[in-house]
Amino acid sequence: MAGIKALVALSFSGAIGLTFLLLGCALEQYGVYWPLFVLIFYILSPIPTFISRRLSDDDSSSNACRELAYFLTTGIVVSSFGLPIVLARTTTIQWGACGLVMTGNAVIFLTILGFFVVFGGGDDFSWEQW
């Protein structure tokens, strides 16, 4: 039952993050949909961690494959925060839209981190079996 509650809480926080992202795009004073390109980063960010967990057999904290996955994930996350800033500096989007997109980024990435914390262990309810 705890897994279901965690899944509901994570989906709710993901919906809040996507709401902030869409508000940064769809409000009448902003009206530009360029910030939606951060959705690519949302999709790409968990992939290195999924691959490293499949490839590494041991649970040691110092594993080269896992460290590379953390490095790549960090680069993807930093890029997703950098894209709205670059778009705002080039006046493609307004700074208010940049703030909303950055807030949505923070909420979405905390949701992804929460997913790995809750479902990352090898307990009976795990996504690793899929």
C-alpha atoms as a PDB file:
ATOM      1  CA  MET A   1       0.000   0.000   0.000  1.00  0.00           C
ATOM      2  CA  ALA A   2       2.927   2.334   0.636  1.00  0.00           C
ATOM      3  CA  GLY A   3       4.033   1.873  -2.978  1.00  0.00           C
ATOM      4  CA  ILE A   4       0.634   2.976  -4.257  1.00  0.00           C
ATOM      5  CA  LYS A   5       0.651   6.101  -2.081  1.00  0.00           C
ATOM      6  CA  ALA A   6       4.139   6.966  -3.271  1.00  0.00           C
ATOM      7  CA  LEU A   7       3.116   6.442  -6.888  1.00  0.00           C
ATOM      8  CA  VAL A   8       0.093   8.729  -6.462  1.00  0.00           C
ATOM      9  CA  ALA A   9       2.232  11.414  -4.774  1.00  0.00           C
ATOM     10  CA  LEU A  10       4.854  11.210  -7.518  1.00  0.00           C
ATOM     11  CA  SER A  11       2.266  11.462 -10.275  1.00  0.00           C
ATOM     12  CA  PHE A  12       0.667  14.447  -8.552  1.00  0.00           C
ATOM     13  CA  SER A  13       3.993  16.257  -8.260  1.00  0.00           C
ATOM     14  CA  GLY A  14       4.775  15.436 -11.882  1.00  0.00           C
ATOM     15  CA  ALA A  15       1.463  16.956 -12.926  1.00  0.00           C
ATOM     16  CA  ILE A  16       2.263  20.110 -10.934  1.00  0.00           C
ATOM     17  CA  GLY A  17       5.660  20.387 -12.651  1.00  0.00           C
ATOM     18  CA  LEU A  18       4.150  19.978 -16.105  1.00  0.00           C
ATOM     19  CA  THR A  19       1.531  22.592 -15.210  1.00  0.00           C
ATOM     20  CA  PHE A  20       4.288  25.100 -14.471  1.00  0.00           C
ATOM     21  CA  LEU A  21       5.949  24.245 -17.770  1.00  0.00           C
ATOM     22  CA  LEU A  22       2.739  24.679 -19.733  1.00  0.00           C
ATOM     23  CA  LEU A  23       1.956  27.941 -17.937  1.00  0.00           C
ATOM     24  CA  GLY A  24       5.332  29.236 -19.059  1.00  0.00           C
ATOM     25  CA  CYS A  25       4.329  28.480 -22.628  1.00  0.00           C
ATOM     26  CA  ALA A  26       0.598  29.030 -22.888  1.00  0.00           C
ATOM     27  CA  LEU A  27      -0.151  32.150 -20.871  1.00  0.00           C
ATOM     28  CA  GLU A  28      -1.340  34.947 -23.103  1.00  0.00           C
ATOM     29  CA  GLN A  29       1.494  37.354 -22.296  1.00  0.00           C
ATOM     30  CA  TYR A  30       4.142  34.690 -23.069  1.00  0.00           C
ATOM     31  CA  GLY A  31       2.542  32.728 -25.916  1.00  0.00           C
ATOM     32  CA  VAL A  32       5.741  31.092 -27.207  1.00  0.00           C
ATOM     33  CA  TYR A  33       6.137  27.331 -27.109  1.00  0.00           C
ATOM     34  CA  TRP A  34       9.948  27.144 -27.309  1.00  0.00           C
ATOM     35  CA  PRO A  35      10.301  26.107 -23.638  1.00  0.00           C
ATOM     36  CA  LEU A  36       8.584  22.812 -24.412  1.00  0.00           C
ATOM     37  CA  PHE A  37      11.928  21.564 -25.696  1.00  0.00           C
ATOM     38  CA  VAL A  38      12.876  20.815 -22.077  1.00  0.00           C
ATOM     39  CA  LEU A  39      10.566  17.795 -22.356  1.00  0.00           C
ATOM     40  CA  ILE A  40      13.401  16.126 -24.255  1.00  0.00           C
ATOM     41  CA  PHE A  41      15.601  16.517 -21.174  1.00  0.00           C
ATOM     42  CA  TYR A  42      12.884  15.039 -18.953  1.00  0.00           C
ATOM     43  CA  ILE A  43      12.862  11.932 -21.132  1.00  0.00           C
ATOM     44  CA  LEU A  44      16.656  11.673 -21.422  1.00  0.00           C
ATOM     45  CA  SER A  45      17.576  12.241 -17.760  1.00  0.00           C
ATOM     46  CA  PRO A  46      16.723   8.808 -16.271  1.00  0.00           C
ATOM     47  CA  ILE A  47      18.117   6.791 -19.198  1.00  0.00           C
ATOM     48  CA  PRO A  48      21.804   6.706 -18.078  1.00  0.00           C
ATOM     49  CA  THR A  49      20.792   5.584 -14.588  1.00  0.00           C
ATOM     50  CA  PHE A  50      18.531   2.854 -15.945  1.00  0.00           C
ATOM     51  CA  ILE A  51      21.328   1.595 -18.187  1.00  0.00           C
ATOM     52  CA  SER A  52      23.925   1.645 -15.399  1.00  0.00           C
ATOM     53  CA  ARG A  53      21.646  -0.248 -13.035  1.00  0.00           C
ATOM     54  CA  ARG A  54      21.154  -2.914 -15.684  1.00  0.00           C
ATOM     55  CA  LEU A  55      24.845  -3.236 -16.472  1.00  0.00           C
ATOM     56  CA  SER A  56      26.367  -3.097 -13.000  1.00  0.00           C
ATOM     57  CA  ASP A  57      25.947  -6.203 -10.876  1.00  0.00           C
ATOM     58  CA  ASP A  58      27.423  -5.032  -7.597  1.00  0.00           C
ATOM     59  CA  ASP A  59      25.936  -2.485  -5.236  1.00  0.00           C
ATOM     60  CA  SER A  60      29.221  -0.791  -4.388  1.00  0.00           C
ATOM     61  CA  SER A  61      29.119   2.974  -4.262  1.00  0.00           C
ATOM     62  CA  SER A  62      32.280   3.351  -6.379  1.00  0.00           C
ATOM     63  CA  ASN A  63      31.481   1.877  -9.759  1.00  0.00           C
ATOM     64  CA  ALA A  64      32.796   3.425 -12.997  1.00  0.00           C
ATOM     65  CA  CYS A  65      29.597   2.719 -14.918  1.00  0.00           C
ATOM     66  CA  ARG A  66      27.425   4.270 -12.231  1.00  0.00           C
ATOM     67  CA  GLU A  67      29.721   7.300 -11.917  1.00  0.00           C
ATOM     68  CA  LEU A  68      29.545   7.884 -15.676  1.00  0.00           C
ATOM     69  CA  ALA A  69      25.754   7.640 -15.502  1.00  0.00           C
ATOM     70  CA  TYR A  70      25.683  10.230 -12.702  1.00  0.00           C
ATOM     71  CA  PHE A  71      27.920  12.507 -14.772  1.00  0.00           C
ATOM     72  CA  LEU A  72      25.729  12.219 -17.873  1.00  0.00           C
ATOM     73  CA  THR A  73      22.558  12.726 -15.848  1.00  0.00           C
ATOM     74  CA  THR A  74      24.030  15.825 -14.233  1.00  0.00           C
ATOM     75  CA  GLY A  75      24.882  17.217 -17.667  1.00  0.00           C
ATOM     76  CA  ILE A  76      21.339  16.616 -18.877  1.00  0.00           C
ATOM     77  CA  VAL A  77      19.805  18.263 -15.799  1.00  0.00           C
ATOM     78  CA  VAL A  78      22.092  21.307 -16.024  1.00  0.00           C
ATOM     79  CA  SER A  79      21.266  21.630 -19.724  1.00  0.00           C
ATOM     80  CA  SER A  80      17.557  21.633 -18.957  1.00  0.00           C
ATOM     81  CA  PHE A  81      18.052  24.543 -16.565  1.00  0.00           C
ATOM     82  CA  GLY A  82      20.338  26.319 -19.014  1.00  0.00           C
ATOM     83  CA  LEU A  83      18.018  26.175 -22.027  1.00  0.00           C
ATOM     84  CA  PRO A  84      15.352  28.555 -20.623  1.00  0.00           C
ATOM     85  CA  ILE A  85      18.053  30.976 -19.500  1.00  0.00           C
ATOM     86  CA  VAL A  86      19.613  31.031 -22.973  1.00  0.00           C
ATOM     87  CA  LEU A  87      16.179  31.478 -24.553  1.00  0.00           C
ATOM     88  CA  ALA A  88      15.412  34.362 -22.195  1.00  0.00           C
ATOM     89  CA  ARG A  89      18.806  36.033 -22.774  1.00  0.00           C
ATOM     90  CA  THR A  90      18.229  35.970 -26.539  1.00  0.00           C
ATOM     91  CA  THR A  91      14.709  37.422 -25.987  1.00  0.00           C
ATOM     92  CA  THR A  92      13.082  34.372 -27.554  1.00  0.00           C
ATOM     93  CA  ILE A  93      11.006  33.995 -24.401  1.00  0.00           C
ATOM     94  CA  GLN A  94      10.286  36.427 -21.574  1.00  0.00           C
ATOM     95  CA  TRP A  95      11.875  36.186 -18.142  1.00  0.00           C
ATOM     96  CA  GLY A  96       8.539  35.340 -16.495  1.00  0.00           C
ATOM     97  CA  ALA A  97       8.207  32.308 -18.740  1.00  0.00           C
ATOM     98  CA  CYS A  98      11.796  31.401 -17.882  1.00  0.00           C
ATOM     99  CA  GLY A  99      10.938  31.491 -14.175  1.00  0.00           C
ATOM    100  CA  LEU A 100       7.904  29.272 -14.647  1.00  0.00           C
ATOM    101  CA  VAL A 101       9.871  26.778 -16.727  1.00  0.00           C
ATOM    102  CA  MET A 102      12.684  26.701 -14.162  1.00  0.00           C
ATOM    103  CA  THR A 103      10.149  26.066 -11.387  1.00  0.00           C
ATOM    104  CA  GLY A 104       8.644  23.263 -13.445  1.00  0.00           C
ATOM    105  CA  ASN A 105      12.137  21.847 -14.015  1.00  0.00           C
ATOM    106  CA  ALA A 106      12.847  21.780 -10.298  1.00  0.00           C
ATOM    107  CA  VAL A 107       9.561  20.031  -9.511  1.00  0.00           C
ATOM    108  CA  ILE A 108       9.928  17.472 -12.320  1.00  0.00           C
ATOM    109  CA  PHE A 109      13.511  16.585 -11.461  1.00  0.00           C
ATOM    110  CA  LEU A 110      12.659  16.247  -7.776  1.00  0.00           C
ATOM    111  CA  THR A 111       9.857  13.920  -8.878  1.00  0.00           C
ATOM    112  CA  ILE A 112      12.305  11.834 -10.922  1.00  0.00           C
ATOM    113  CA  LEU A 113      14.684  11.735  -7.956  1.00  0.00           C
ATOM    114  CA  GLY A 114      11.797  10.663  -5.720  1.00  0.00           C
ATOM    115  CA  PHE A 115      10.980   7.870  -8.155  1.00  0.00           C
ATOM    116  CA  PHE A 116      14.515   6.524  -7.898  1.00  0.00           C
ATOM    117  CA  VAL A 117      14.515   6.817  -4.113  1.00  0.00           C
ATOM    118  CA  VAL A 118      11.152   5.097  -3.647  1.00  0.00           C
ATOM    119  CA  PHE A 119      11.363   2.439  -6.354  1.00  0.00           C
ATOM    120  CA  GLY A 120      15.141   2.071  -6.647  1.00  0.00           C
ATOM    121  CA  GLY A 121      15.573  -0.592  -3.996  1.00  0.00           C
ATOM    122  CA  GLY A 122      15.239  -4.303  -4.549  1.00  0.00           C
ATOM    123  CA  ASP A 123      12.063  -4.730  -2.509  1.00  0.00           C
ATOM    124  CA  ASP A 124       8.991  -6.657  -3.621  1.00  0.00           C
ATOM    125  CA  PHE A 125       7.428  -3.692  -5.519  1.00  0.00           C
ATOM    126  CA  SER A 126      10.086  -2.595  -7.953  1.00  0.00           C
ATOM    127  CA  TRP A 127      10.147  -1.335 -11.526  1.00  0.00           C
ATOM    128  CA  GLU A 128      13.395  -3.168 -12.213  1.00  0.00           C
ATOM    129  CA  GLN A 129      11.506  -6.332 -13.119  1.00  0.00           C
ATOM    130  CA  TRP A 130       9.849  -4.598 -16.079  1.00  0.00           C
END
